[in-house]
Amino acid sequence: MKKIAIPLENGRLCAHFGHCQQFAIIEVVNESIAAETYITPPPHEPGLLPGWLAEKGVTHIIAGGMGQRALHLFKEQNIQVCVGAPSDTPASLVQQWIKGSLTTGSNTCDH
């Protein structure tokens, strides 16, 4: 099973990872979506989210943009990160990821 976290704003991927309204946690089993959960993150604090998401069992992140420190901290937690994803719904992004068709661009975060 894989658990994919996606930062959201108004139900779609949020361009700025650390300042999202909530996270979708999508469980993928046998190449299909098995469950979707929505959780509110703790107040923003640099370096907090990687450990918090690791505690939730997250194995992958799909994000628009993410700072270098967060990228490094996720790597330390053995969580794979995909940045530069387009604004879309969590289910659509995960379906594209499963099929190997998720189009990513450059990291939209500049710090």
PDB file of N, CA and C in Angstrom:
ATOM      1  N   MET A   1       0.838  -1.188   0.000  1.00  0.00           N
ATOM      2  CA  MET A   1       0.000   0.000   0.000  1.00  0.00           C
ATOM      3  C   MET A   1       0.879   1.245   0.000  1.00  0.00           C
ATOM      4  N   LYS A   2       0.443   2.225  -0.759  1.00  0.00           N
ATOM      5  CA  LYS A   2       1.103   3.523  -0.780  1.00  0.00           C
ATOM      6  C   LYS A   2       0.116   4.547  -0.234  1.00  0.00           C
ATOM      7  N   LYS A   3       0.653   5.522   0.494  1.00  0.00           N
ATOM      8  CA  LYS A   3      -0.168   6.636   0.989  1.00  0.00           C
ATOM      9  C   LYS A   3       0.408   7.907   0.391  1.00  0.00           C
ATOM     10  N   ILE A   4      -0.406   8.581  -0.398  1.00  0.00           N
ATOM     11  CA  ILE A   4       0.034   9.774  -1.107  1.00  0.00           C
ATOM     12  C   ILE A   4      -0.634  10.993  -0.488  1.00  0.00           C
ATOM     13  N   ALA A   5       0.180  11.961  -0.071  1.00  0.00           N
ATOM     14  CA  ALA A   5      -0.341  13.208   0.493  1.00  0.00           C
ATOM     15  C   ALA A   5      -0.295  14.296  -0.575  1.00  0.00           C
ATOM     16  N   ILE A   6      -1.376  15.064  -0.648  1.00  0.00           N
ATOM     17  CA  ILE A   6      -1.473  16.166  -1.602  1.00  0.00           C
ATOM     18  C   ILE A   6      -1.966  17.397  -0.851  1.00  0.00           C
ATOM     19  N   PRO A   7      -1.181  18.501  -0.884  1.00  0.00           N
ATOM     20  CA  PRO A   7      -1.626  19.729  -0.216  1.00  0.00           C
ATOM     21  C   PRO A   7      -2.753  20.375  -1.021  1.00  0.00           C
ATOM     22  N   LEU A   8      -3.798  20.811  -0.324  1.00  0.00           N
ATOM     23  CA  LEU A   8      -4.978  21.346  -1.006  1.00  0.00           C
ATOM     24  C   LEU A   8      -5.338  22.759  -0.580  1.00  0.00           C
ATOM     25  N   GLU A   9      -5.921  23.461  -1.532  1.00  0.00           N
ATOM     26  CA  GLU A   9      -6.579  24.739  -1.271  1.00  0.00           C
ATOM     27  C   GLU A   9      -7.853  24.726  -2.102  1.00  0.00           C
ATOM     28  N   ASN A  10      -8.984  24.874  -1.453  1.00  0.00           N
ATOM     29  CA  ASN A  10     -10.288  24.826  -2.129  1.00  0.00           C
ATOM     30  C   ASN A  10     -10.471  23.540  -2.936  1.00  0.00           C
ATOM     31  N   GLY A  11      -9.996  22.422  -2.393  1.00  0.00           N
ATOM     32  CA  GLY A  11     -10.221  21.120  -3.006  1.00  0.00           C
ATOM     33  C   GLY A  11      -9.303  20.739  -4.147  1.00  0.00           C
ATOM     34  N   ARG A  12      -8.343  21.625  -4.467  1.00  0.00           N
ATOM     35  CA  ARG A  12      -7.396  21.354  -5.555  1.00  0.00           C
ATOM     36  C   ARG A  12      -5.974  21.510  -5.033  1.00  0.00           C
ATOM     37  N   LEU A  13      -5.022  20.959  -5.790  1.00  0.00           N
ATOM     38  CA  LEU A  13      -3.620  21.054  -5.388  1.00  0.00           C
ATOM     39  C   LEU A  13      -3.239  22.504  -5.113  1.00  0.00           C
ATOM     40  N   CYS A  14      -2.627  22.730  -3.967  1.00  0.00           N
ATOM     41  CA  CYS A  14      -2.168  24.057  -3.551  1.00  0.00           C
ATOM     42  C   CYS A  14      -0.730  24.244  -4.033  1.00  0.00           C
ATOM     43  N   ALA A  15      -0.458  25.373  -4.679  1.00  0.00           N
ATOM     44  CA  ALA A  15       0.876  25.613  -5.226  1.00  0.00           C
ATOM     45  C   ALA A  15       1.941  25.726  -4.146  1.00  0.00           C
ATOM     46  N   HIS A  16       1.578  26.208  -2.965  1.00  0.00           N
ATOM     47  CA  HIS A  16       2.570  26.373  -1.900  1.00  0.00           C
ATOM     48  C   HIS A  16       2.336  25.331  -0.816  1.00  0.00           C
ATOM     49  N   PHE A  17       3.174  24.326  -0.806  1.00  0.00           N
ATOM     50  CA  PHE A  17       3.042  23.167   0.069  1.00  0.00           C
ATOM     51  C   PHE A  17       2.832  23.526   1.537  1.00  0.00           C
ATOM     52  N   GLY A  18       3.650  24.410   2.076  1.00  0.00           N
ATOM     53  CA  GLY A  18       3.637  24.695   3.507  1.00  0.00           C
ATOM     54  C   GLY A  18       2.473  25.527   4.002  1.00  0.00           C
ATOM     55  N   HIS A  19       1.687  26.080   3.091  1.00  0.00           N
ATOM     56  CA  HIS A  19       0.598  26.969   3.504  1.00  0.00           C
ATOM     57  C   HIS A  19      -0.761  26.494   2.999  1.00  0.00           C
ATOM     58  N   CYS A  20      -0.935  25.188   2.875  1.00  0.00           N
ATOM     59  CA  CYS A  20      -2.202  24.660   2.364  1.00  0.00           C
ATOM     60  C   CYS A  20      -3.273  24.644   3.458  1.00  0.00           C
ATOM     61  N   GLN A  21      -4.543  24.564   3.032  1.00  0.00           N
ATOM     62  CA  GLN A  21      -5.674  24.505   3.966  1.00  0.00           C
ATOM     63  C   GLN A  21      -5.825  23.113   4.566  1.00  0.00           C
ATOM     64  N   GLN A  22      -5.572  22.093   3.755  1.00  0.00           N
ATOM     65  CA  GLN A  22      -5.691  20.714   4.219  1.00  0.00           C
ATOM     66  C   GLN A  22      -4.873  19.803   3.314  1.00  0.00           C
ATOM     67  N   PHE A  23      -4.752  18.558   3.743  1.00  0.00           N
ATOM     68  CA  PHE A  23      -4.083  17.537   2.943  1.00  0.00           C
ATOM     69  C   PHE A  23      -5.076  16.442   2.611  1.00  0.00           C
ATOM     70  N   ALA A  24      -5.015  15.969   1.377  1.00  0.00           N
ATOM     71  CA  ALA A  24      -5.699  14.729   1.015  1.00  0.00           C
ATOM     72  C   ALA A  24      -4.677  13.618   1.213  1.00  0.00           C
ATOM     73  N   ILE A  25      -5.071  12.566   1.900  1.00  0.00           N
ATOM     74  CA  ILE A  25      -4.233  11.377   2.036  1.00  0.00           C
ATOM     75  C   ILE A  25      -4.953  10.282   1.251  1.00  0.00           C
ATOM     76  N   ILE A  26      -4.350   9.863   0.160  1.00  0.00           N
ATOM     77  CA  ILE A  26      -4.951   8.879  -0.731  1.00  0.00           C
ATOM     78  C   ILE A  26      -4.207   7.555  -0.572  1.00  0.00           C
ATOM     79  N   GLU A  27      -4.937   6.514  -0.232  1.00  0.00           N
ATOM     80  CA  GLU A  27      -4.341   5.181  -0.114  1.00  0.00           C
ATOM     81  C   GLU A  27      -4.505   4.457  -1.445  1.00  0.00           C
ATOM     82  N   VAL A  28      -3.381   3.936  -1.952  1.00  0.00           N
ATOM     83  CA  VAL A  28      -3.378   3.213  -3.219  1.00  0.00           C
ATOM     84  C   VAL A  28      -3.010   1.759  -2.944  1.00  0.00           C
ATOM     85  N   VAL A  29      -3.890   0.854  -3.354  1.00  0.00           N
ATOM     86  CA  VAL A  29      -3.665  -0.581  -3.206  1.00  0.00           C
ATOM     87  C   VAL A  29      -3.892  -1.229  -4.570  1.00  0.00           C
ATOM     88  N   ASN A  30      -2.943  -2.049  -5.002  1.00  0.00           N
ATOM     89  CA  ASN A  30      -3.066  -2.740  -6.296  1.00  0.00           C
ATOM     90  C   ASN A  30      -3.395  -1.774  -7.436  1.00  0.00           C
ATOM     91  N   GLU A  31      -2.675  -0.666  -7.479  1.00  0.00           N
ATOM     92  CA  GLU A  31      -2.812   0.323  -8.555  1.00  0.00           C
ATOM     93  C   GLU A  31      -4.199   0.954  -8.649  1.00  0.00           C
ATOM     94  N   SER A  32      -4.927   1.002  -7.530  1.00  0.00           N
ATOM     95  CA  SER A  32      -6.201   1.726  -7.536  1.00  0.00           C
ATOM     96  C   SER A  32      -6.402   2.425  -6.195  1.00  0.00           C
ATOM     97  N   ILE A  33      -7.215   3.464  -6.211  1.00  0.00           N
ATOM     98  CA  ILE A  33      -7.483   4.235  -5.001  1.00  0.00           C
ATOM     99  C   ILE A  33      -8.385   3.419  -4.084  1.00  0.00           C
ATOM    100  N   ALA A  34      -7.902   3.175  -2.867  1.00  0.00           N
ATOM    101  CA  ALA A  34      -8.652   2.383  -1.892  1.00  0.00           C
ATOM    102  C   ALA A  34      -9.369   3.261  -0.876  1.00  0.00           C
ATOM    103  N   ALA A  35      -8.794   4.434  -0.567  1.00  0.00           N
ATOM    104  CA  ALA A  35      -9.402   5.320   0.430  1.00  0.00           C
ATOM    105  C   ALA A  35      -8.880   6.737   0.252  1.00  0.00           C
ATOM    106  N   GLU A  36      -9.717   7.710   0.626  1.00  0.00           N
ATOM    107  CA  GLU A  36      -9.334   9.126   0.636  1.00  0.00           C
ATOM    108  C   GLU A  36      -9.689   9.696   2.000  1.00  0.00           C
ATOM    109  N   THR A  37      -8.729  10.382   2.607  1.00  0.00           N
ATOM    110  CA  THR A  37      -8.946  11.041   3.891  1.00  0.00           C
ATOM    111  C   THR A  37      -8.479  12.483   3.754  1.00  0.00           C
ATOM    112  N   TYR A  38      -9.172  13.404   4.416  1.00  0.00           N
ATOM    113  CA  TYR A  38      -8.787  14.817   4.382  1.00  0.00           C
ATOM    114  C   TYR A  38      -8.480  15.261   5.798  1.00  0.00           C
ATOM    115  N   ILE A  39      -7.290  15.838   5.974  1.00  0.00           N
ATOM    116  CA  ILE A  39      -6.864  16.258   7.308  1.00  0.00           C
ATOM    117  C   ILE A  39      -6.349  17.692   7.272  1.00  0.00           C
ATOM    118  N   THR A  40      -6.558  18.394   8.370  1.00  0.00           N
ATOM    119  CA  THR A  40      -6.079  19.767   8.510  1.00  0.00           C
ATOM    120  C   THR A  40      -4.691  19.738   9.132  1.00  0.00           C
ATOM    121  N   PRO A  41      -3.727  20.413   8.502  1.00  0.00           N
ATOM    122  CA  PRO A  41      -2.370  20.402   9.055  1.00  0.00           C
ATOM    123  C   PRO A  41      -2.257  21.287  10.289  1.00  0.00           C
ATOM    124  N   PRO A  42      -1.221  21.051  11.088  1.00  0.00           N
ATOM    125  CA  PRO A  42      -0.963  21.952  12.209  1.00  0.00           C
ATOM    126  C   PRO A  42      -0.546  23.320  11.667  1.00  0.00           C
ATOM    127  N   PRO A  43      -0.568  24.368  12.509  1.00  0.00           N
ATOM    128  CA  PRO A  43      -0.122  25.689  12.050  1.00  0.00           C
ATOM    129  C   PRO A  43       1.275  25.608  11.436  1.00  0.00           C
ATOM    130  N   HIS A  44       1.491  26.415  10.373  1.00  0.00           N
ATOM    131  CA  HIS A  44       2.762  26.365   9.643  1.00  0.00           C
ATOM    132  C   HIS A  44       3.939  26.675  10.555  1.00  0.00           C
ATOM    133  N   GLU A  45       4.912  25.814  10.473  1.00  0.00           N
ATOM    134  CA  GLU A  45       6.171  25.982  11.192  1.00  0.00           C
ATOM    135  C   GLU A  45       7.228  25.293  10.336  1.00  0.00           C
ATOM    136  N   PRO A  46       8.290  26.004   9.935  1.00  0.00           N
ATOM    137  CA  PRO A  46       9.290  25.391   9.068  1.00  0.00           C
ATOM    138  C   PRO A  46       9.794  24.049   9.617  1.00  0.00           C
ATOM    139  N   GLY A  47       9.797  23.047   8.748  1.00  0.00           N
ATOM    140  CA  GLY A  47      10.325  21.733   9.109  1.00  0.00           C
ATOM    141  C   GLY A  47       9.361  20.805   9.817  1.00  0.00           C
ATOM    142  N   LEU A  48       8.148  21.255  10.124  1.00  0.00           N
ATOM    143  CA  LEU A  48       7.198  20.447  10.894  1.00  0.00           C
ATOM    144  C   LEU A  48       6.470  19.388  10.057  1.00  0.00           C
ATOM    145  N   LEU A  49       6.036  19.747   8.854  1.00  0.00           N
ATOM    146  CA  LEU A  49       5.169  18.864   8.072  1.00  0.00           C
ATOM    147  C   LEU A  49       5.791  17.524   7.677  1.00  0.00           C
ATOM    148  N   PRO A  50       7.074  17.447   7.318  1.00  0.00           N
ATOM    149  CA  PRO A  50       7.620  16.123   6.963  1.00  0.00           C
ATOM    150  C   PRO A  50       7.464  15.082   8.073  1.00  0.00           C
ATOM    151  N   GLY A  51       7.769  15.426   9.301  1.00  0.00           N
ATOM    152  CA  GLY A  51       7.611  14.489  10.412  1.00  0.00           C
ATOM    153  C   GLY A  51       6.154  14.177  10.687  1.00  0.00           C
ATOM    154  N   TRP A  52       5.304  15.205  10.603  1.00  0.00           N
ATOM    155  CA  TRP A  52       3.869  15.027  10.843  1.00  0.00           C
ATOM    156  C   TRP A  52       3.261  14.074   9.814  1.00  0.00           C
ATOM    157  N   LEU A  53       3.615  14.252   8.541  1.00  0.00           N
ATOM    158  CA  LEU A  53       3.082  13.370   7.500  1.00  0.00           C
ATOM    159  C   LEU A  53       3.676  11.965   7.602  1.00  0.00           C
ATOM    160  N   ALA A  54       4.937  11.868   8.005  1.00  0.00           N
ATOM    161  CA  ALA A  54       5.547  10.546   8.207  1.00  0.00           C
ATOM    162  C   ALA A  54       4.801   9.782   9.296  1.00  0.00           C
ATOM    163  N   GLU A  55       4.401  10.481  10.361  1.00  0.00           N
ATOM    164  CA  GLU A  55       3.628   9.847  11.440  1.00  0.00           C
ATOM    165  C   GLU A  55       2.288   9.310  10.932  1.00  0.00           C
ATOM    166  N   LYS A  56       1.760   9.915   9.866  1.00  0.00           N
ATOM    167  CA  LYS A  56       0.491   9.478   9.280  1.00  0.00           C
ATOM    168  C   LYS A  56       0.694   8.308   8.315  1.00  0.00           C
ATOM    169  N   GLY A  57       1.946   7.894   8.123  1.00  0.00           N
ATOM    170  CA  GLY A  57       2.232   6.763   7.243  1.00  0.00           C
ATOM    171  C   GLY A  57       2.377   7.118   5.778  1.00  0.00           C
ATOM    172  N   VAL A  58       2.534   8.414   5.473  1.00  0.00           N
ATOM    173  CA  VAL A  58       2.651   8.858   4.088  1.00  0.00           C
ATOM    174  C   VAL A  58       3.940   8.313   3.469  1.00  0.00           C
ATOM    175  N   THR A  59       3.825   7.813   2.230  1.00  0.00           N
ATOM    176  CA  THR A  59       4.979   7.280   1.503  1.00  0.00           C
ATOM    177  C   THR A  59       5.379   8.160   0.324  1.00  0.00           C
ATOM    178  N   HIS A  60       4.448   8.977  -0.178  1.00  0.00           N
ATOM    179  CA  HIS A  60       4.685   9.822  -1.345  1.00  0.00           C
ATOM    180  C   HIS A  60       3.968  11.161  -1.170  1.00  0.00           C
ATOM    181  N   ILE A  61       4.524  12.192  -1.823  1.00  0.00           N
ATOM    182  CA  ILE A  61       3.917  13.524  -1.850  1.00  0.00           C
ATOM    183  C   ILE A  61       3.783  13.939  -3.312  1.00  0.00           C
ATOM    184  N   ILE A  62       2.639  14.491  -3.668  1.00  0.00           N
ATOM    185  CA  ILE A  62       2.484  15.168  -4.955  1.00  0.00           C
ATOM    186  C   ILE A  62       2.250  16.629  -4.614  1.00  0.00           C
ATOM    187  N   ALA A  63       3.122  17.511  -5.114  1.00  0.00           N
ATOM    188  CA  ALA A  63       3.055  18.929  -4.755  1.00  0.00           C
ATOM    189  C   ALA A  63       3.301  19.810  -5.973  1.00  0.00           C
ATOM    190  N   GLY A  64       2.880  21.061  -5.843  1.00  0.00           N
ATOM    191  CA  GLY A  64       3.188  22.044  -6.870  1.00  0.00           C
ATOM    192  C   GLY A  64       4.583  22.585  -6.631  1.00  0.00           C
ATOM    193  N   GLY A  65       4.792  23.098  -5.421  1.00  0.00           N
ATOM    194  CA  GLY A  65       6.088  23.646  -5.066  1.00  0.00           C
ATOM    195  C   GLY A  65       6.438  23.324  -3.634  1.00  0.00           C
ATOM    196  N   MET A  66       7.740  23.240  -3.379  1.00  0.00           N
ATOM    197  CA  MET A  66       8.209  22.897  -2.043  1.00  0.00           C
ATOM    198  C   MET A  66       9.626  23.437  -1.868  1.00  0.00           C
ATOM    199  N   GLY A  67       9.897  24.000  -0.697  1.00  0.00           N
ATOM    200  CA  GLY A  67      11.223  24.519  -0.406  1.00  0.00           C
ATOM    201  C   GLY A  67      12.268  23.417  -0.291  1.00  0.00           C
ATOM    202  N   GLN A  68      13.525  23.806  -0.466  1.00  0.00           N
ATOM    203  CA  GLN A  68      14.622  22.836  -0.437  1.00  0.00           C
ATOM    204  C   GLN A  68      14.743  22.136   0.912  1.00  0.00           C
ATOM    205  N   ARG A  69      14.493  22.857   1.995  1.00  0.00           N
ATOM    206  CA  ARG A  69      14.593  22.227   3.321  1.00  0.00           C
ATOM    207  C   ARG A  69      13.555  21.116   3.470  1.00  0.00           C
ATOM    208  N   ALA A  70      12.325  21.394   3.056  1.00  0.00           N
ATOM    209  CA  ALA A  70      11.271  20.376   3.135  1.00  0.00           C
ATOM    210  C   ALA A  70      11.625  19.174   2.261  1.00  0.00           C
ATOM    211  N   LEU A  71      12.127  19.418   1.053  1.00  0.00           N
ATOM    212  CA  LEU A  71      12.540  18.313   0.182  1.00  0.00           C
ATOM    213  C   LEU A  71      13.566  17.431   0.882  1.00  0.00           C
ATOM    214  N   HIS A  72      14.543  18.060   1.522  1.00  0.00           N
ATOM    215  CA  HIS A  72      15.584  17.319   2.238  1.00  0.00           C
ATOM    216  C   HIS A  72      14.991  16.527   3.405  1.00  0.00           C
ATOM    217  N   LEU A  73      14.093  17.148   4.169  1.00  0.00           N
ATOM    218  CA  LEU A  73      13.495  16.467   5.321  1.00  0.00           C
ATOM    219  C   LEU A  73      12.626  15.283   4.892  1.00  0.00           C
ATOM    220  N   PHE A  74      11.928  15.411   3.772  1.00  0.00           N
ATOM    221  CA  PHE A  74      11.151  14.274   3.277  1.00  0.00           C
ATOM    222  C   PHE A  74      12.076  13.140   2.853  1.00  0.00           C
ATOM    223  N   LYS A  75      13.185  13.487   2.235  1.00  0.00           N
ATOM    224  CA  LYS A  75      14.152  12.459   1.834  1.00  0.00           C
ATOM    225  C   LYS A  75      14.659  11.707   3.065  1.00  0.00           C
ATOM    226  N   GLU A  76      14.920  12.433   4.153  1.00  0.00           N
ATOM    227  CA  GLU A  76      15.363  11.795   5.399  1.00  0.00           C
ATOM    228  C   GLU A  76      14.305  10.843   5.949  1.00  0.00           C
ATOM    229  N   GLN A  77      13.034  11.116   5.684  1.00  0.00           N
ATOM    230  CA  GLN A  77      11.924  10.276   6.154  1.00  0.00           C
ATOM    231  C   GLN A  77      11.603   9.152   5.155  1.00  0.00           C
ATOM    232  N   ASN A  78      12.390   9.062   4.077  1.00  0.00           N
ATOM    233  CA  ASN A  78      12.145   8.081   3.006  1.00  0.00           C
ATOM    234  C   ASN A  78      10.780   8.256   2.347  1.00  0.00           C
ATOM    235  N   ILE A  79      10.358   9.512   2.219  1.00  0.00           N
ATOM    236  CA  ILE A  79       9.112   9.838   1.532  1.00  0.00           C
ATOM    237  C   ILE A  79       9.482  10.415   0.166  1.00  0.00           C
ATOM    238  N   GLN A  80       8.940   9.814  -0.895  1.00  0.00           N
ATOM    239  CA  GLN A  80       9.231  10.265  -2.253  1.00  0.00           C
ATOM    240  C   GLN A  80       8.370  11.479  -2.589  1.00  0.00           C
ATOM    241  N   VAL A  81       8.999  12.481  -3.210  1.00  0.00           N
ATOM    242  CA  VAL A  81       8.307  13.736  -3.516  1.00  0.00           C
ATOM    243  C   VAL A  81       8.289  13.984  -5.021  1.00  0.00           C
ATOM    244  N   CYS A  82       7.124  14.342  -5.523  1.00  0.00           N
ATOM    245  CA  CYS A  82       6.938  14.733  -6.913  1.00  0.00           C
ATOM    246  C   CYS A  82       6.500  16.198  -6.896  1.00  0.00           C
ATOM    247  N   VAL A  83       7.324  17.108  -7.423  1.00  0.00           N
ATOM    248  CA  VAL A  83       6.975  18.533  -7.434  1.00  0.00           C
ATOM    249  C   VAL A  83       6.689  19.005  -8.856  1.00  0.00           C
ATOM    250  N   GLY A  84       6.043  20.151  -8.943  1.00  0.00           N
ATOM    251  CA  GLY A  84       5.712  20.730 -10.238  1.00  0.00           C
ATOM    252  C   GLY A  84       4.415  20.200 -10.820  1.00  0.00           C
ATOM    253  N   ALA A  85       3.590  19.563  -9.984  1.00  0.00           N
ATOM    254  CA  ALA A  85       2.312  19.018 -10.450  1.00  0.00           C
ATOM    255  C   ALA A  85       1.325  20.159 -10.707  1.00  0.00           C
ATOM    256  N   PRO A  86       0.395  19.957 -11.629  1.00  0.00           N
ATOM    257  CA  PRO A  86      -0.595  20.995 -11.936  1.00  0.00           C
ATOM    258  C   PRO A  86      -1.713  21.045 -10.899  1.00  0.00           C
ATOM    259  N   SER A  87      -2.434  22.156 -10.876  1.00  0.00           N
ATOM    260  CA  SER A  87      -3.589  22.279  -9.991  1.00  0.00           C
ATOM    261  C   SER A  87      -4.699  21.378 -10.525  1.00  0.00           C
ATOM    262  N   ASP A  88      -5.090  20.407  -9.715  1.00  0.00           N
ATOM    263  CA  ASP A  88      -6.125  19.452 -10.102  1.00  0.00           C
ATOM    264  C   ASP A  88      -6.683  18.843  -8.822  1.00  0.00           C
ATOM    265  N   THR A  89      -7.688  18.003  -8.950  1.00  0.00           N
ATOM    266  CA  THR A  89      -8.252  17.338  -7.776  1.00  0.00           C
ATOM    267  C   THR A  89      -7.323  16.205  -7.333  1.00  0.00           C
ATOM    268  N   PRO A  90      -7.361  15.851  -6.055  1.00  0.00           N
ATOM    269  CA  PRO A  90      -6.493  14.773  -5.569  1.00  0.00           C
ATOM    270  C   PRO A  90      -6.695  13.457  -6.320  1.00  0.00           C
ATOM    271  N   ALA A  91      -7.948  13.054  -6.538  1.00  0.00           N
ATOM    272  CA  ALA A  91      -8.208  11.781  -7.218  1.00  0.00           C
ATOM    273  C   ALA A  91      -7.640  11.783  -8.634  1.00  0.00           C
ATOM    274  N   SER A  92      -7.793  12.888  -9.338  1.00  0.00           N
ATOM    275  CA  SER A  92      -7.269  12.984 -10.700  1.00  0.00           C
ATOM    276  C   SER A  92      -5.745  12.901 -10.702  1.00  0.00           C
ATOM    277  N   LEU A  93      -5.097  13.623  -9.794  1.00  0.00           N
ATOM    278  CA  LEU A  93      -3.634  13.588  -9.717  1.00  0.00           C
ATOM    279  C   LEU A  93      -3.126  12.185  -9.421  1.00  0.00           C
ATOM    280  N   VAL A  94      -3.772  11.503  -8.490  1.00  0.00           N
ATOM    281  CA  VAL A  94      -3.323  10.156  -8.126  1.00  0.00           C
ATOM    282  C   VAL A  94      -3.576   9.177  -9.268  1.00  0.00           C
ATOM    283  N   GLN A  95      -4.701   9.300  -9.957  1.00  0.00           N
ATOM    284  CA  GLN A  95      -4.954   8.426 -11.111  1.00  0.00           C
ATOM    285  C   GLN A  95      -3.871   8.624 -12.174  1.00  0.00           C
ATOM    286  N   GLN A  96      -3.501   9.878 -12.427  1.00  0.00           N
ATOM    287  CA  GLN A  96      -2.429  10.152 -13.390  1.00  0.00           C
ATOM    288  C   GLN A  96      -1.115   9.550 -12.902  1.00  0.00           C
ATOM    289  N   TRP A  97      -0.837   9.674 -11.607  1.00  0.00           N
ATOM    290  CA  TRP A  97       0.396   9.134 -11.022  1.00  0.00           C
ATOM    291  C   TRP A  97       0.435   7.614 -11.177  1.00  0.00           C
ATOM    292  N   ILE A  98      -0.687   6.949 -10.893  1.00  0.00           N
ATOM    293  CA  ILE A  98      -0.766   5.487 -11.023  1.00  0.00           C
ATOM    294  C   ILE A  98      -0.468   5.065 -12.462  1.00  0.00           C
ATOM    295  N   LYS A  99      -1.037   5.797 -13.429  1.00  0.00           N
ATOM    296  CA  LYS A  99      -0.867   5.457 -14.847  1.00  0.00           C
ATOM    297  C   LYS A  99       0.503   5.865 -15.389  1.00  0.00           C
ATOM    298  N   GLY A 100       1.264   6.641 -14.599  1.00  0.00           N
ATOM    299  CA  GLY A 100       2.560   7.121 -15.082  1.00  0.00           C
ATOM    300  C   GLY A 100       2.429   8.292 -16.033  1.00  0.00           C
ATOM    301  N   SER A 101       1.271   8.954 -16.013  1.00  0.00           N
ATOM    302  CA  SER A 101       1.035  10.059 -16.945  1.00  0.00           C
ATOM    303  C   SER A 101       0.976  11.422 -16.260  1.00  0.00           C
ATOM    304  N   LEU A 102       1.359  11.491 -14.984  1.00  0.00           N
ATOM    305  CA  LEU A 102       1.335  12.772 -14.272  1.00  0.00           C
ATOM    306  C   LEU A 102       2.406  13.683 -14.854  1.00  0.00           C
ATOM    307  N   THR A 103       1.969  14.809 -15.408  1.00  0.00           N
ATOM    308  CA  THR A 103       2.888  15.768 -16.003  1.00  0.00           C
ATOM    309  C   THR A 103       3.348  16.742 -14.932  1.00  0.00           C
ATOM    310  N   THR A 104       4.651  16.843 -14.764  1.00  0.00           N
ATOM    311  CA  THR A 104       5.192  17.777 -13.778  1.00  0.00           C
ATOM    312  C   THR A 104       6.076  18.788 -14.479  1.00  0.00           C
ATOM    313  N   GLY A 105       6.087  19.986 -13.919  1.00  0.00           N
ATOM    314  CA  GLY A 105       6.931  21.043 -14.443  1.00  0.00           C
ATOM    315  C   GLY A 105       8.013  21.354 -13.429  1.00  0.00           C
ATOM    316  N   SER A 106       8.398  22.612 -13.374  1.00  0.00           N
ATOM    317  CA  SER A 106       9.430  22.994 -12.414  1.00  0.00           C
ATOM    318  C   SER A 106       8.804  23.211 -11.039  1.00  0.00           C
ATOM    319  N   ASN A 107       9.639  23.133 -10.021  1.00  0.00           N
ATOM    320  CA  ASN A 107       9.224  23.378  -8.645  1.00  0.00           C
ATOM    321  C   ASN A 107       8.724  24.813  -8.566  1.00  0.00           C
ATOM    322  N   THR A 108       7.477  25.013  -8.149  1.00  0.00           N
ATOM    323  CA  THR A 108       6.903  26.358  -8.118  1.00  0.00           C
ATOM    324  C   THR A 108       7.285  27.144  -6.872  1.00  0.00           C
ATOM    325  N   CYS A 109       8.132  26.569  -6.033  1.00  0.00           N
ATOM    326  CA  CYS A 109       8.579  27.258  -4.819  1.00  0.00           C
ATOM    327  C   CYS A 109       9.986  27.789  -5.051  1.00  0.00           C
ATOM    328  N   ASP A 110      10.245  28.993  -4.575  1.00  0.00           N
ATOM    329  CA  ASP A 110      11.558  29.588  -4.810  1.00  0.00           C
ATOM    330  C   ASP A 110      12.417  29.692  -3.555  1.00  0.00           C
ATOM    331  N   HIS A 111      12.099  28.912  -2.507  1.00  0.00           N
ATOM    332  CA  HIS A 111      12.966  28.936  -1.324  1.00  0.00           C
ATOM    333  C   HIS A 111      13.207  27.544  -0.791  1.00  0.00           C
TER     334      HIS A 111
END
